[in-house]
PDB file of N, CA and C in Angstrom:
ATOM      1  N   MET A   1      22.721 -50.984 -12.742  1.00  0.00           N
ATOM      2  CA  MET A   1      22.768 -52.362 -13.194  1.00  0.00           C
ATOM      3  C   MET A   1      22.935 -52.367 -14.727  1.00  0.00           C
ATOM      4  N   PRO A   2      23.873 -53.137 -15.248  1.00  0.00           N
ATOM      5  CA  PRO A   2      24.110 -53.164 -16.692  1.00  0.00           C
ATOM      6  C   PRO A   2      22.904 -53.650 -17.492  1.00  0.00           C
ATOM      7  N   VAL A   3      22.659 -52.988 -18.596  1.00  0.00           N
ATOM      8  CA  VAL A   3      21.599 -53.381 -19.521  1.00  0.00           C
ATOM      9  C   VAL A   3      22.132 -54.541 -20.360  1.00  0.00           C
ATOM     10  N   THR A   4      21.319 -55.577 -20.523  1.00  0.00           N
ATOM     11  CA  THR A   4      21.726 -56.736 -21.319  1.00  0.00           C
ATOM     12  C   THR A   4      20.861 -56.840 -22.568  1.00  0.00           C
ATOM     13  N   ILE A   5      21.251 -57.713 -23.447  1.00  0.00           N
ATOM     14  CA  ILE A   5      20.455 -57.978 -24.641  1.00  0.00           C
ATOM     15  C   ILE A   5      19.092 -58.550 -24.262  1.00  0.00           C
ATOM     16  N   PHE A   6      19.031 -59.235 -23.131  1.00  0.00           N
ATOM     17  CA  PHE A   6      17.762 -59.783 -22.657  1.00  0.00           C
ATOM     18  C   PHE A   6      16.816 -58.669 -22.224  1.00  0.00           C
ATOM     19  N   ASP A   7      17.370 -57.604 -21.624  1.00  0.00           N
ATOM     20  CA  ASP A   7      16.545 -56.443 -21.280  1.00  0.00           C
ATOM     21  C   ASP A   7      15.966 -55.814 -22.539  1.00  0.00           C
ATOM     22  N   LEU A   8      16.814 -55.636 -23.541  1.00  0.00           N
ATOM     23  CA  LEU A   8      16.354 -55.032 -24.792  1.00  0.00           C
ATOM     24  C   LEU A   8      15.263 -55.872 -25.440  1.00  0.00           C
ATOM     25  N   ALA A   9      15.449 -57.195 -25.429  1.00  0.00           N
ATOM     26  CA  ALA A   9      14.448 -58.097 -26.011  1.00  0.00           C
ATOM     27  C   ALA A   9      13.127 -58.019 -25.243  1.00  0.00           C
ATOM     28  N   ALA A  10      13.202 -57.944 -23.922  1.00  0.00           N
ATOM     29  CA  ALA A  10      11.992 -57.853 -23.104  1.00  0.00           C
ATOM     30  C   ALA A  10      11.258 -56.537 -23.367  1.00  0.00           C
ATOM     31  N   TRP A  11      11.993 -55.450 -23.465  1.00  0.00           N
ATOM     32  CA  TRP A  11      11.366 -54.152 -23.755  1.00  0.00           C
ATOM     33  C   TRP A  11      10.677 -54.191 -25.109  1.00  0.00           C
ATOM     34  N   LYS A  12      11.345 -54.784 -26.083  1.00  0.00           N
ATOM     35  CA  LYS A  12      10.755 -54.888 -27.427  1.00  0.00           C
ATOM     36  C   LYS A  12       9.490 -55.739 -27.393  1.00  0.00           C
ATOM     37  N   ALA A  13       9.537 -56.867 -26.688  1.00  0.00           N
ATOM     38  CA  ALA A  13       8.383 -57.761 -26.597  1.00  0.00           C
ATOM     39  C   ALA A  13       7.186 -57.055 -25.956  1.00  0.00           C
ATOM     40  N   ARG A  14       7.459 -56.170 -24.998  1.00  0.00           N
ATOM     41  CA  ARG A  14       6.381 -55.419 -24.334  1.00  0.00           C
ATOM     42  C   ARG A  14       5.993 -54.157 -25.099  1.00  0.00           C
ATOM     43  N   GLY A  15       6.692 -53.881 -26.183  1.00  0.00           N
ATOM     44  CA  GLY A  15       6.388 -52.690 -26.965  1.00  0.00           C
ATOM     45  C   GLY A  15       6.886 -51.404 -26.331  1.00  0.00           C
ATOM     46  N   GLU A  16       7.831 -51.534 -25.395  1.00  0.00           N
ATOM     47  CA  GLU A  16       8.389 -50.344 -24.739  1.00  0.00           C
ATOM     48  C   GLU A  16       9.427 -49.682 -25.637  1.00  0.00           C
ATOM     49  N   ARG A  17       9.382 -48.380 -25.673  1.00  0.00           N
ATOM     50  CA  ARG A  17      10.376 -47.643 -26.437  1.00  0.00           C
ATOM     51  C   ARG A  17      11.583 -47.368 -25.549  1.00  0.00           C
ATOM     52  N   PHE A  18      12.756 -47.322 -26.187  1.00  0.00           N
ATOM     53  CA  PHE A  18      13.960 -46.955 -25.457  1.00  0.00           C
ATOM     54  C   PHE A  18      14.860 -46.157 -26.376  1.00  0.00           C
ATOM     55  N   VAL A  19      15.788 -45.471 -25.787  1.00  0.00           N
ATOM     56  CA  VAL A  19      16.678 -44.568 -26.515  1.00  0.00           C
ATOM     57  C   VAL A  19      17.967 -45.291 -26.880  1.00  0.00           C
ATOM     58  N   MET A  20      18.450 -45.021 -28.083  1.00  0.00           N
ATOM     59  CA  MET A  20      19.778 -45.458 -28.495  1.00  0.00           C
ATOM     60  C   MET A  20      20.459 -44.230 -29.098  1.00  0.00           C
ATOM     61  N   LEU A  21      21.635 -43.900 -28.595  1.00  0.00           N
ATOM     62  CA  LEU A  21      22.395 -42.767 -29.116  1.00  0.00           C
ATOM     63  C   LEU A  21      23.797 -43.221 -29.501  1.00  0.00           C
ATOM     64  N   THR A  22      24.419 -42.455 -30.367  1.00  0.00           N
ATOM     65  CA  THR A  22      25.760 -42.777 -30.834  1.00  0.00           C
ATOM     66  C   THR A  22      26.807 -42.094 -29.970  1.00  0.00           C
ATOM     67  N   ALA A  23      27.855 -42.828 -29.661  1.00  0.00           N
ATOM     68  CA  ALA A  23      28.999 -42.283 -28.925  1.00  0.00           C
ATOM     69  C   ALA A  23      30.274 -42.779 -29.592  1.00  0.00           C
ATOM     70  N   TYR A  24      31.297 -41.937 -29.575  1.00  0.00           N
ATOM     71  CA  TYR A  24      32.578 -42.320 -30.172  1.00  0.00           C
ATOM     72  C   TYR A  24      33.741 -42.244 -29.187  1.00  0.00           C
ATOM     73  N   ASP A  25      33.468 -41.794 -27.952  1.00  0.00           N
ATOM     74  CA  ASP A  25      34.558 -41.617 -26.994  1.00  0.00           C
ATOM     75  C   ASP A  25      34.055 -41.901 -25.578  1.00  0.00           C
ATOM     76  N   ALA A  26      35.003 -42.051 -24.659  1.00  0.00           N
ATOM     77  CA  ALA A  26      34.680 -42.422 -23.280  1.00  0.00           C
ATOM     78  C   ALA A  26      33.884 -41.331 -22.564  1.00  0.00           C
ATOM     79  N   LEU A  27      34.232 -40.067 -22.772  1.00  0.00           N
ATOM     80  CA  LEU A  27      33.532 -38.982 -22.078  1.00  0.00           C
ATOM     81  C   LEU A  27      32.064 -38.923 -22.494  1.00  0.00           C
ATOM     82  N   THR A  28      31.802 -38.945 -23.784  1.00  0.00           N
ATOM     83  CA  THR A  28      30.408 -38.931 -24.251  1.00  0.00           C
ATOM     84  C   THR A  28      29.669 -40.157 -23.741  1.00  0.00           C
ATOM     85  N   ALA A  29      30.309 -41.307 -23.788  1.00  0.00           N
ATOM     86  CA  ALA A  29      29.679 -42.532 -23.288  1.00  0.00           C
ATOM     87  C   ALA A  29      29.330 -42.402 -21.812  1.00  0.00           C
ATOM     88  N   ARG A  30      30.233 -41.845 -21.021  1.00  0.00           N
ATOM     89  CA  ARG A  30      29.980 -41.691 -19.579  1.00  0.00           C
ATOM     90  C   ARG A  30      28.800 -40.750 -19.336  1.00  0.00           C
ATOM     91  N   VAL A  31      28.759 -39.625 -20.054  1.00  0.00           N
ATOM     92  CA  VAL A  31      27.663 -38.667 -19.885  1.00  0.00           C
ATOM     93  C   VAL A  31      26.325 -39.302 -20.266  1.00  0.00           C
ATOM     94  N   LEU A  32      26.285 -39.989 -21.403  1.00  0.00           N
ATOM     95  CA  LEU A  32      25.045 -40.631 -21.838  1.00  0.00           C
ATOM     96  C   LEU A  32      24.638 -41.760 -20.897  1.00  0.00           C
ATOM     97  N   ASP A  33      25.614 -42.519 -20.426  1.00  0.00           N
ATOM     98  CA  ASP A  33      25.355 -43.606 -19.481  1.00  0.00           C
ATOM     99  C   ASP A  33      24.774 -43.055 -18.180  1.00  0.00           C
ATOM    100  N   GLU A  34      25.373 -42.001 -17.662  1.00  0.00           N
ATOM    101  CA  GLU A  34      24.879 -41.397 -16.415  1.00  0.00           C
ATOM    102  C   GLU A  34      23.503 -40.766 -16.593  1.00  0.00           C
ATOM    103  N   ALA A  35      23.179 -40.368 -17.828  1.00  0.00           N
ATOM    104  CA  ALA A  35      21.853 -39.816 -18.110  1.00  0.00           C
ATOM    105  C   ALA A  35      20.804 -40.909 -18.257  1.00  0.00           C
ATOM    106  N   GLY A  36      21.230 -42.179 -18.238  1.00  0.00           N
ATOM    107  CA  GLY A  36      20.301 -43.291 -18.298  1.00  0.00           C
ATOM    108  C   GLY A  36      20.013 -43.820 -19.689  1.00  0.00           C
ATOM    109  N   VAL A  37      20.807 -43.437 -20.681  1.00  0.00           N
ATOM    110  CA  VAL A  37      20.620 -43.982 -22.029  1.00  0.00           C
ATOM    111  C   VAL A  37      21.002 -45.461 -21.990  1.00  0.00           C
ATOM    112  N   PRO A  38      20.074 -46.363 -22.324  1.00  0.00           N
ATOM    113  CA  PRO A  38      20.346 -47.786 -22.141  1.00  0.00           C
ATOM    114  C   PRO A  38      21.160 -48.455 -23.242  1.00  0.00           C
ATOM    115  N   LEU A  39      21.264 -47.816 -24.419  1.00  0.00           N
ATOM    116  CA  LEU A  39      21.943 -48.453 -25.543  1.00  0.00           C
ATOM    117  C   LEU A  39      22.778 -47.425 -26.291  1.00  0.00           C
ATOM    118  N   LEU A  40      24.076 -47.688 -26.402  1.00  0.00           N
ATOM    119  CA  LEU A  40      24.992 -46.811 -27.118  1.00  0.00           C
ATOM    120  C   LEU A  40      25.489 -47.520 -28.365  1.00  0.00           C
ATOM    121  N   LEU A  41      25.511 -46.791 -29.465  1.00  0.00           N
ATOM    122  CA  LEU A  41      25.952 -47.327 -30.739  1.00  0.00           C
ATOM    123  C   LEU A  41      27.295 -46.704 -31.109  1.00  0.00           C
ATOM    124  N   VAL A  42      28.217 -47.534 -31.529  1.00  0.00           N
ATOM    125  CA  VAL A  42      29.460 -47.074 -32.127  1.00  0.00           C
ATOM    126  C   VAL A  42      29.378 -47.514 -33.577  1.00  0.00           C
ATOM    127  N   GLY A  43      29.052 -46.596 -34.460  1.00  0.00           N
ATOM    128  CA  GLY A  43      28.833 -46.952 -35.851  1.00  0.00           C
ATOM    129  C   GLY A  43      29.966 -46.524 -36.756  1.00  0.00           C
ATOM    130  N   ASP A  44      29.920 -47.003 -37.985  1.00  0.00           N
ATOM    131  CA  ASP A  44      30.958 -46.616 -38.930  1.00  0.00           C
ATOM    132  C   ASP A  44      30.802 -45.167 -39.374  1.00  0.00           C
ATOM    133  N   SER A  45      29.748 -44.492 -38.891  1.00  0.00           N
ATOM    134  CA  SER A  45      29.614 -43.056 -39.135  1.00  0.00           C
ATOM    135  C   SER A  45      30.758 -42.281 -38.494  1.00  0.00           C
ATOM    136  N   LEU A  46      31.546 -42.942 -37.634  1.00  0.00           N
ATOM    137  CA  LEU A  46      32.718 -42.289 -37.070  1.00  0.00           C
ATOM    138  C   LEU A  46      33.684 -41.874 -38.184  1.00  0.00           C
ATOM    139  N   GLY A  47      33.617 -42.543 -39.325  1.00  0.00           N
ATOM    140  CA  GLY A  47      34.457 -42.163 -40.457  1.00  0.00           C
ATOM    141  C   GLY A  47      34.207 -40.742 -40.900  1.00  0.00           C
ATOM    142  N   ASN A  48      32.921 -40.370 -41.033  1.00  0.00           N
ATOM    143  CA  ASN A  48      32.553 -39.019 -41.434  1.00  0.00           C
ATOM    144  C   ASN A  48      32.681 -38.027 -40.286  1.00  0.00           C
ATOM    145  N   ASN A  49      32.222 -38.432 -39.111  1.00  0.00           N
ATOM    146  CA  ASN A  49      32.067 -37.501 -37.997  1.00  0.00           C
ATOM    147  C   ASN A  49      33.309 -37.285 -37.155  1.00  0.00           C
ATOM    148  N   VAL A  50      34.220 -38.232 -37.146  1.00  0.00           N
ATOM    149  CA  VAL A  50      35.391 -38.127 -36.282  1.00  0.00           C
ATOM    150  C   VAL A  50      36.696 -38.202 -37.071  1.00  0.00           C
ATOM    151  N   LEU A  51      36.765 -39.130 -37.998  1.00  0.00           N
ATOM    152  CA  LEU A  51      38.024 -39.385 -38.684  1.00  0.00           C
ATOM    153  C   LEU A  51      38.246 -38.535 -39.931  1.00  0.00           C
ATOM    154  N   GLY A  52      37.227 -37.800 -40.361  1.00  0.00           N
ATOM    155  CA  GLY A  52      37.384 -36.898 -41.492  1.00  0.00           C
ATOM    156  C   GLY A  52      37.337 -37.544 -42.857  1.00  0.00           C
ATOM    157  N   TYR A  53      36.850 -38.773 -42.944  1.00  0.00           N
ATOM    158  CA  TYR A  53      36.703 -39.420 -44.241  1.00  0.00           C
ATOM    159  C   TYR A  53      35.495 -38.822 -44.975  1.00  0.00           C
ATOM    160  N   ASP A  54      35.475 -38.969 -46.294  1.00  0.00           N
ATOM    161  CA  ASP A  54      34.345 -38.493 -47.094  1.00  0.00           C
ATOM    162  C   ASP A  54      33.136 -39.416 -46.983  1.00  0.00           C
ATOM    163  N   SER A  55      33.341 -40.636 -46.533  1.00  0.00           N
ATOM    164  CA  SER A  55      32.244 -41.600 -46.385  1.00  0.00           C
ATOM    165  C   SER A  55      32.616 -42.568 -45.263  1.00  0.00           C
ATOM    166  N   THR A  56      31.744 -43.546 -45.067  1.00  0.00           N
ATOM    167  CA  THR A  56      32.014 -44.565 -44.048  1.00  0.00           C
ATOM    168  C   THR A  56      32.855 -45.713 -44.602  1.00  0.00           C
ATOM    169  N   ILE A  57      33.000 -45.777 -45.900  1.00  0.00           N
ATOM    170  CA  ILE A  57      33.686 -46.901 -46.561  1.00  0.00           C
ATOM    171  C   ILE A  57      35.112 -47.133 -46.048  1.00  0.00           C
ATOM    172  N   PRO A  58      35.944 -46.081 -45.845  1.00  0.00           N
ATOM    173  CA  PRO A  58      37.329 -46.338 -45.440  1.00  0.00           C
ATOM    174  C   PRO A  58      37.522 -46.831 -43.999  1.00  0.00           C
ATOM    175  N   VAL A  59      36.463 -46.826 -43.171  1.00  0.00           N
ATOM    176  CA  VAL A  59      36.607 -47.228 -41.772  1.00  0.00           C
ATOM    177  C   VAL A  59      37.008 -48.699 -41.705  1.00  0.00           C
ATOM    178  N   THR A  60      38.098 -48.964 -41.018  1.00  0.00           N
ATOM    179  CA  THR A  60      38.592 -50.337 -40.888  1.00  0.00           C
ATOM    180  C   THR A  60      38.070 -50.982 -39.609  1.00  0.00           C
ATOM    181  N   MET A  61      38.198 -52.292 -39.538  1.00  0.00           N
ATOM    182  CA  MET A  61      37.815 -53.021 -38.334  1.00  0.00           C
ATOM    183  C   MET A  61      38.625 -52.527 -37.142  1.00  0.00           C
ATOM    184  N   GLU A  62      39.914 -52.318 -37.335  1.00  0.00           N
ATOM    185  CA  GLU A  62      40.777 -51.863 -36.233  1.00  0.00           C
ATOM    186  C   GLU A  62      40.358 -50.488 -35.727  1.00  0.00           C
ATOM    187  N   GLU A  63      40.038 -49.567 -36.641  1.00  0.00           N
ATOM    188  CA  GLU A  63      39.575 -48.238 -36.212  1.00  0.00           C
ATOM    189  C   GLU A  63      38.281 -48.359 -35.418  1.00  0.00           C
ATOM    190  N   SER A  64      37.376 -49.183 -35.904  1.00  0.00           N
ATOM    191  CA  SER A  64      36.112 -49.388 -35.222  1.00  0.00           C
ATOM    192  C   SER A  64      36.316 -49.951 -33.813  1.00  0.00           C
ATOM    193  N   LEU A  65      37.260 -50.869 -33.676  1.00  0.00           N
ATOM    194  CA  LEU A  65      37.544 -51.460 -32.363  1.00  0.00           C
ATOM    195  C   LEU A  65      38.118 -50.450 -31.387  1.00  0.00           C
ATOM    196  N   VAL A  66      38.960 -49.555 -31.861  1.00  0.00           N
ATOM    197  CA  VAL A  66      39.543 -48.525 -30.988  1.00  0.00           C
ATOM    198  C   VAL A  66      38.436 -47.670 -30.376  1.00  0.00           C
ATOM    199  N   PHE A  67      37.480 -47.255 -31.204  1.00  0.00           N
ATOM    200  CA  PHE A  67      36.406 -46.408 -30.701  1.00  0.00           C
ATOM    201  C   PHE A  67      35.418 -47.191 -29.849  1.00  0.00           C
ATOM    202  N   THR A  68      35.170 -48.453 -30.178  1.00  0.00           N
ATOM    203  CA  THR A  68      34.311 -49.292 -29.343  1.00  0.00           C
ATOM    204  C   THR A  68      34.924 -49.463 -27.962  1.00  0.00           C
ATOM    205  N   ALA A  69      36.233 -49.653 -27.903  1.00  0.00           N
ATOM    206  CA  ALA A  69      36.917 -49.800 -26.619  1.00  0.00           C
ATOM    207  C   ALA A  69      36.794 -48.532 -25.791  1.00  0.00           C
ATOM    208  N   ALA A  70      36.925 -47.379 -26.426  1.00  0.00           N
ATOM    209  CA  ALA A  70      36.804 -46.111 -25.701  1.00  0.00           C
ATOM    210  C   ALA A  70      35.406 -45.960 -25.107  1.00  0.00           C
ATOM    211  N   VAL A  71      34.390 -46.270 -25.901  1.00  0.00           N
ATOM    212  CA  VAL A  71      33.011 -46.162 -25.420  1.00  0.00           C
ATOM    213  C   VAL A  71      32.770 -47.171 -24.296  1.00  0.00           C
ATOM    214  N   ALA A  72      33.291 -48.371 -24.430  1.00  0.00           N
ATOM    215  CA  ALA A  72      33.123 -49.394 -23.383  1.00  0.00           C
ATOM    216  C   ALA A  72      33.746 -48.947 -22.065  1.00  0.00           C
ATOM    217  N   ARG A  73      34.867 -48.248 -22.129  1.00  0.00           N
ATOM    218  CA  ARG A  73      35.502 -47.761 -20.897  1.00  0.00           C
ATOM    219  C   ARG A  73      34.682 -46.668 -20.227  1.00  0.00           C
ATOM    220  N   GLY A  74      33.917 -45.917 -21.006  1.00  0.00           N
ATOM    221  CA  GLY A  74      33.126 -44.824 -20.441  1.00  0.00           C
ATOM    222  C   GLY A  74      31.758 -45.230 -19.938  1.00  0.00           C
ATOM    223  N   ALA A  75      31.201 -46.301 -20.455  1.00  0.00           N
ATOM    224  CA  ALA A  75      29.836 -46.717 -20.096  1.00  0.00           C
ATOM    225  C   ALA A  75      29.870 -47.865 -19.100  1.00  0.00           C
ATOM    226  N   ARG A  76      29.204 -47.677 -17.985  1.00  0.00           N
ATOM    227  CA  ARG A  76      29.148 -48.742 -16.972  1.00  0.00           C
ATOM    228  C   ARG A  76      27.888 -49.592 -17.113  1.00  0.00           C
ATOM    229  N   ASN A  77      26.786 -48.986 -17.526  1.00  0.00           N
ATOM    230  CA  ASN A  77      25.509 -49.696 -17.553  1.00  0.00           C
ATOM    231  C   ASN A  77      24.907 -49.879 -18.930  1.00  0.00           C
ATOM    232  N   ALA A  78      25.146 -48.966 -19.825  1.00  0.00           N
ATOM    233  CA  ALA A  78      24.533 -49.040 -21.155  1.00  0.00           C
ATOM    234  C   ALA A  78      25.060 -50.245 -21.927  1.00  0.00           C
ATOM    235  N   ALA A  79      24.174 -50.863 -22.688  1.00  0.00           N
ATOM    236  CA  ALA A  79      24.590 -51.911 -23.621  1.00  0.00           C
ATOM    237  C   ALA A  79      25.252 -51.235 -24.812  1.00  0.00           C
ATOM    238  N   LEU A  80      26.177 -51.924 -25.446  1.00  0.00           N
ATOM    239  CA  LEU A  80      26.868 -51.356 -26.602  1.00  0.00           C
ATOM    240  C   LEU A  80      26.492 -52.110 -27.857  1.00  0.00           C
ATOM    241  N   GLY A  81      26.272 -51.351 -28.910  1.00  0.00           N
ATOM    242  CA  GLY A  81      26.072 -51.929 -30.227  1.00  0.00           C
ATOM    243  C   GLY A  81      27.158 -51.368 -31.126  1.00  0.00           C
ATOM    244  N   ARG A  82      27.660 -52.208 -32.004  1.00  0.00           N
ATOM    245  CA  ARG A  82      28.707 -51.739 -32.899  1.00  0.00           C
ATOM    246  C   ARG A  82      28.308 -52.077 -34.314  1.00  0.00           C
ATOM    247  N   GLY A  83      28.298 -51.066 -35.156  1.00  0.00           N
ATOM    248  CA  GLY A  83      27.998 -51.267 -36.565  1.00  0.00           C
ATOM    249  C   GLY A  83      29.258 -51.029 -37.372  1.00  0.00           C
ATOM    250  N   GLY A  84      29.275 -51.562 -38.585  1.00  0.00           N
ATOM    251  CA  GLY A  84      30.372 -51.318 -39.511  1.00  0.00           C
ATOM    252  C   GLY A  84      31.681 -51.903 -39.047  1.00  0.00           C
ATOM    253  N   PRO A  85      32.660 -51.965 -39.893  1.00  0.00           N
ATOM    254  CA  PRO A  85      32.499 -51.515 -41.262  1.00  0.00           C
ATOM    255  C   PRO A  85      31.348 -52.254 -41.928  1.00  0.00           C
ATOM    256  N   HIS A  86      30.528 -51.493 -42.640  1.00  0.00           N
ATOM    257  CA  HIS A  86      29.257 -52.027 -43.124  1.00  0.00           C
ATOM    258  C   HIS A  86      29.435 -53.100 -44.197  1.00  0.00           C
ATOM    259  N   ASN A  87      28.328 -53.778 -44.462  1.00  0.00           N
ATOM    260  CA  ASN A  87      28.324 -54.886 -45.413  1.00  0.00           C
ATOM    261  C   ASN A  87      28.621 -54.363 -46.811  1.00  0.00           C
ATOM    262  N   ARG A  88      29.753 -54.709 -47.346  1.00  0.00           N
ATOM    263  CA  ARG A  88      30.149 -54.244 -48.677  1.00  0.00           C
ATOM    264  C   ARG A  88      30.111 -55.383 -49.689  1.00  0.00           C
ATOM    265  N   ARG A  89      29.392 -56.457 -49.370  1.00  0.00           N
ATOM    266  CA  ARG A  89      29.391 -57.612 -50.257  1.00  0.00           C
ATOM    267  C   ARG A  89      28.047 -57.806 -50.945  1.00  0.00           C
ATOM    268  N   GLY A  90      27.232 -56.751 -51.031  1.00  0.00           N
ATOM    269  CA  GLY A  90      25.956 -56.858 -51.732  1.00  0.00           C
ATOM    270  C   GLY A  90      26.211 -57.328 -53.160  1.00  0.00           C
ATOM    271  N   ARG A  91      25.333 -58.170 -53.659  1.00  0.00           N
ATOM    272  CA  ARG A  91      25.576 -58.775 -54.968  1.00  0.00           C
ATOM    273  C   ARG A  91      24.873 -58.025 -56.086  1.00  0.00           C
ATOM    274  N   GLY A  92      24.174 -56.947 -55.758  1.00  0.00           N
ATOM    275  CA  GLY A  92      23.554 -56.152 -56.810  1.00  0.00           C
ATOM    276  C   GLY A  92      22.159 -56.631 -57.164  1.00  0.00           C
ATOM    277  N   ALA A  93      21.446 -55.794 -57.895  1.00  0.00           N
ATOM    278  CA  ALA A  93      20.072 -56.086 -58.284  1.00  0.00           C
ATOM    279  C   ALA A  93      20.014 -57.371 -59.113  1.00  0.00           C
ATOM    280  N   GLY A  94      19.025 -58.198 -58.821  1.00  0.00           N
ATOM    281  CA  GLY A  94      18.807 -59.411 -59.580  1.00  0.00           C
ATOM    282  C   GLY A  94      19.715 -60.569 -59.211  1.00  0.00           C
ATOM    283  N   HIS A  95      20.552 -60.396 -58.209  1.00  0.00           N
ATOM    284  CA  HIS A  95      21.493 -61.452 -57.836  1.00  0.00           C
ATOM    285  C   HIS A  95      21.245 -61.972 -56.423  1.00  0.00           C
ATOM    286  N   GLY A  96      20.055 -61.749 -55.914  1.00  0.00           N
ATOM    287  CA  GLY A  96      19.730 -62.252 -54.587  1.00  0.00           C
ATOM    288  C   GLY A  96      20.187 -61.309 -53.488  1.00  0.00           C
ATOM    289  N   PRO A  97      19.881 -61.672 -52.250  1.00  0.00           N
ATOM    290  CA  PRO A  97      20.221 -60.808 -51.113  1.00  0.00           C
ATOM    291  C   PRO A  97      21.725 -60.771 -50.882  1.00  0.00           C
ATOM    292  N   PRO A  98      22.180 -59.707 -50.211  1.00  0.00           N
ATOM    293  CA  PRO A  98      23.611 -59.651 -49.883  1.00  0.00           C
ATOM    294  C   PRO A  98      24.009 -60.823 -49.003  1.00  0.00           C
ATOM    295  N   ARG A  99      25.213 -61.296 -49.169  1.00  0.00           N
ATOM    296  CA  ARG A  99      25.743 -62.375 -48.326  1.00  0.00           C
ATOM    297  C   ARG A  99      26.332 -61.761 -47.060  1.00  0.00           C
ATOM    298  N   PRO A 100      26.285 -62.484 -45.951  1.00  0.00           N
ATOM    299  CA  PRO A 100      26.926 -61.963 -44.744  1.00  0.00           C
ATOM    300  C   PRO A 100      28.414 -61.749 -44.989  1.00  0.00           C
ATOM    301  N   HIS A 101      28.901 -60.668 -44.475  1.00  0.00           N
ATOM    302  CA  HIS A 101      30.317 -60.334 -44.618  1.00  0.00           C
ATOM    303  C   HIS A 101      31.130 -61.160 -43.625  1.00  0.00           C
ATOM    304  N   PRO A 102      32.300 -61.652 -44.018  1.00  0.00           N
ATOM    305  CA  PRO A 102      33.126 -62.422 -43.082  1.00  0.00           C
ATOM    306  C   PRO A 102      33.473 -61.637 -41.822  1.00  0.00           C
ATOM    307  N   ALA A 103      33.418 -60.310 -41.901  1.00  0.00           N
ATOM    308  CA  ALA A 103      33.757 -59.488 -40.738  1.00  0.00           C
ATOM    309  C   ALA A 103      32.752 -59.643 -39.607  1.00  0.00           C
ATOM    310  N   VAL A 104      31.545 -60.163 -39.898  1.00  0.00           N
ATOM    311  CA  VAL A 104      30.553 -60.337 -38.839  1.00  0.00           C
ATOM    312  C   VAL A 104      31.109 -61.226 -37.737  1.00  0.00           C
ATOM    313  N   GLY A 105      31.723 -62.346 -38.102  1.00  0.00           N
ATOM    314  CA  GLY A 105      32.335 -63.229 -37.107  1.00  0.00           C
ATOM    315  C   GLY A 105      33.473 -62.543 -36.377  1.00  0.00           C
ATOM    316  N   GLN A 106      34.246 -61.744 -37.102  1.00  0.00           N
ATOM    317  CA  GLN A 106      35.344 -61.002 -36.469  1.00  0.00           C
ATOM    318  C   GLN A 106      34.796 -60.041 -35.425  1.00  0.00           C
ATOM    319  N   ARG A 107      33.678 -59.384 -35.750  1.00  0.00           N
ATOM    320  CA  ARG A 107      33.089 -58.432 -34.810  1.00  0.00           C
ATOM    321  C   ARG A 107      32.742 -59.118 -33.503  1.00  0.00           C
ATOM    322  N   LEU A 108      32.079 -60.279 -33.606  1.00  0.00           N
ATOM    323  CA  LEU A 108      31.669 -60.979 -32.398  1.00  0.00           C
ATOM    324  C   LEU A 108      32.872 -61.447 -31.586  1.00  0.00           C
ATOM    325  N   ARG A 109      33.896 -61.964 -32.266  1.00  0.00           N
ATOM    326  CA  ARG A 109      35.081 -62.437 -31.550  1.00  0.00           C
ATOM    327  C   ARG A 109      35.843 -61.284 -30.900  1.00  0.00           C
ATOM    328  N   ARG A 110      35.809 -60.114 -31.511  1.00  0.00           N
ATOM    329  CA  ARG A 110      36.635 -59.006 -31.037  1.00  0.00           C
ATOM    330  C   ARG A 110      35.930 -58.088 -30.046  1.00  0.00           C
ATOM    331  N   LEU A 111      34.629 -58.265 -29.825  1.00  0.00           N
ATOM    332  CA  LEU A 111      33.953 -57.405 -28.855  1.00  0.00           C
ATOM    333  C   LEU A 111      34.607 -57.457 -27.482  1.00  0.00           C
ATOM    334  N   PRO A 112      34.903 -58.642 -26.947  1.00  0.00           N
ATOM    335  CA  PRO A 112      35.572 -58.654 -25.641  1.00  0.00           C
ATOM    336  C   PRO A 112      36.934 -57.943 -25.674  1.00  0.00           C
ATOM    337  N   ARG A 113      37.662 -58.069 -26.771  1.00  0.00           N
ATOM    338  CA  ARG A 113      38.941 -57.390 -26.895  1.00  0.00           C
ATOM    339  C   ARG A 113      38.771 -55.873 -26.825  1.00  0.00           C
ATOM    340  N   ALA A 114      37.636 -55.392 -27.330  1.00  0.00           N
ATOM    341  CA  ALA A 114      37.375 -53.958 -27.301  1.00  0.00           C
ATOM    342  C   ALA A 114      36.812 -53.522 -25.950  1.00  0.00           C
ATOM    343  N   GLY A 115      36.610 -54.467 -25.035  1.00  0.00           N
ATOM    344  CA  GLY A 115      36.107 -54.132 -23.711  1.00  0.00           C
ATOM    345  C   GLY A 115      34.597 -54.178 -23.599  1.00  0.00           C
ATOM    346  N   ALA A 116      33.918 -54.620 -24.648  1.00  0.00           N
ATOM    347  CA  ALA A 116      32.460 -54.677 -24.623  1.00  0.00           C
ATOM    348  C   ALA A 116      31.993 -55.968 -23.961  1.00  0.00           C
ATOM    349  N   ARG A 117      30.848 -55.890 -23.312  1.00  0.00           N
ATOM    350  CA  ARG A 117      30.251 -57.064 -22.684  1.00  0.00           C
ATOM    351  C   ARG A 117      29.371 -57.775 -23.705  1.00  0.00           C
ATOM    352  N   ARG A 118      29.304 -59.083 -23.629  1.00  0.00           N
ATOM    353  CA  ARG A 118      28.426 -59.857 -24.498  1.00  0.00           C
ATOM    354  C   ARG A 118      27.206 -60.309 -23.726  1.00  0.00           C
ATOM    355  N   GLY A 119      26.108 -60.458 -24.478  1.00  0.00           N
ATOM    356  CA  GLY A 119      24.907 -61.111 -23.974  1.00  0.00           C
ATOM    357  C   GLY A 119      24.437 -60.654 -22.611  1.00  0.00           C
ATOM    358  N   GLY A 120      24.114 -61.598 -21.734  1.00  0.00           N
ATOM    359  CA  GLY A 120      23.547 -61.257 -20.454  1.00  0.00           C
ATOM    360  C   GLY A 120      24.379 -61.755 -19.387  1.00  0.00           C
TER     361      GLY A 120
END
């Protein structure tokens, strides 16, 4: 049965611990999903670990979506979380908290395009 955001919220409310692991491809996602890992993360760390960048900064939204789609195809039950490209709009010390990046809305709109399930 697919894990939903409501399951995660209920586990948190009860103080239950759960595992979250990173996956960048369908095969790893399938193995982790079959092992019962309830939450898979596709983070911008793929820049360093898969794409050969020196940092996570060069990871684009499109690159992130390609890998999110691959993980979504491999996982049948695990919930997916996608991070990055990270918030690069911090205003610096003394200038208040960072503002939300416009890409946040893009991420939410594009999750279905990447094959990820939303909500419950």
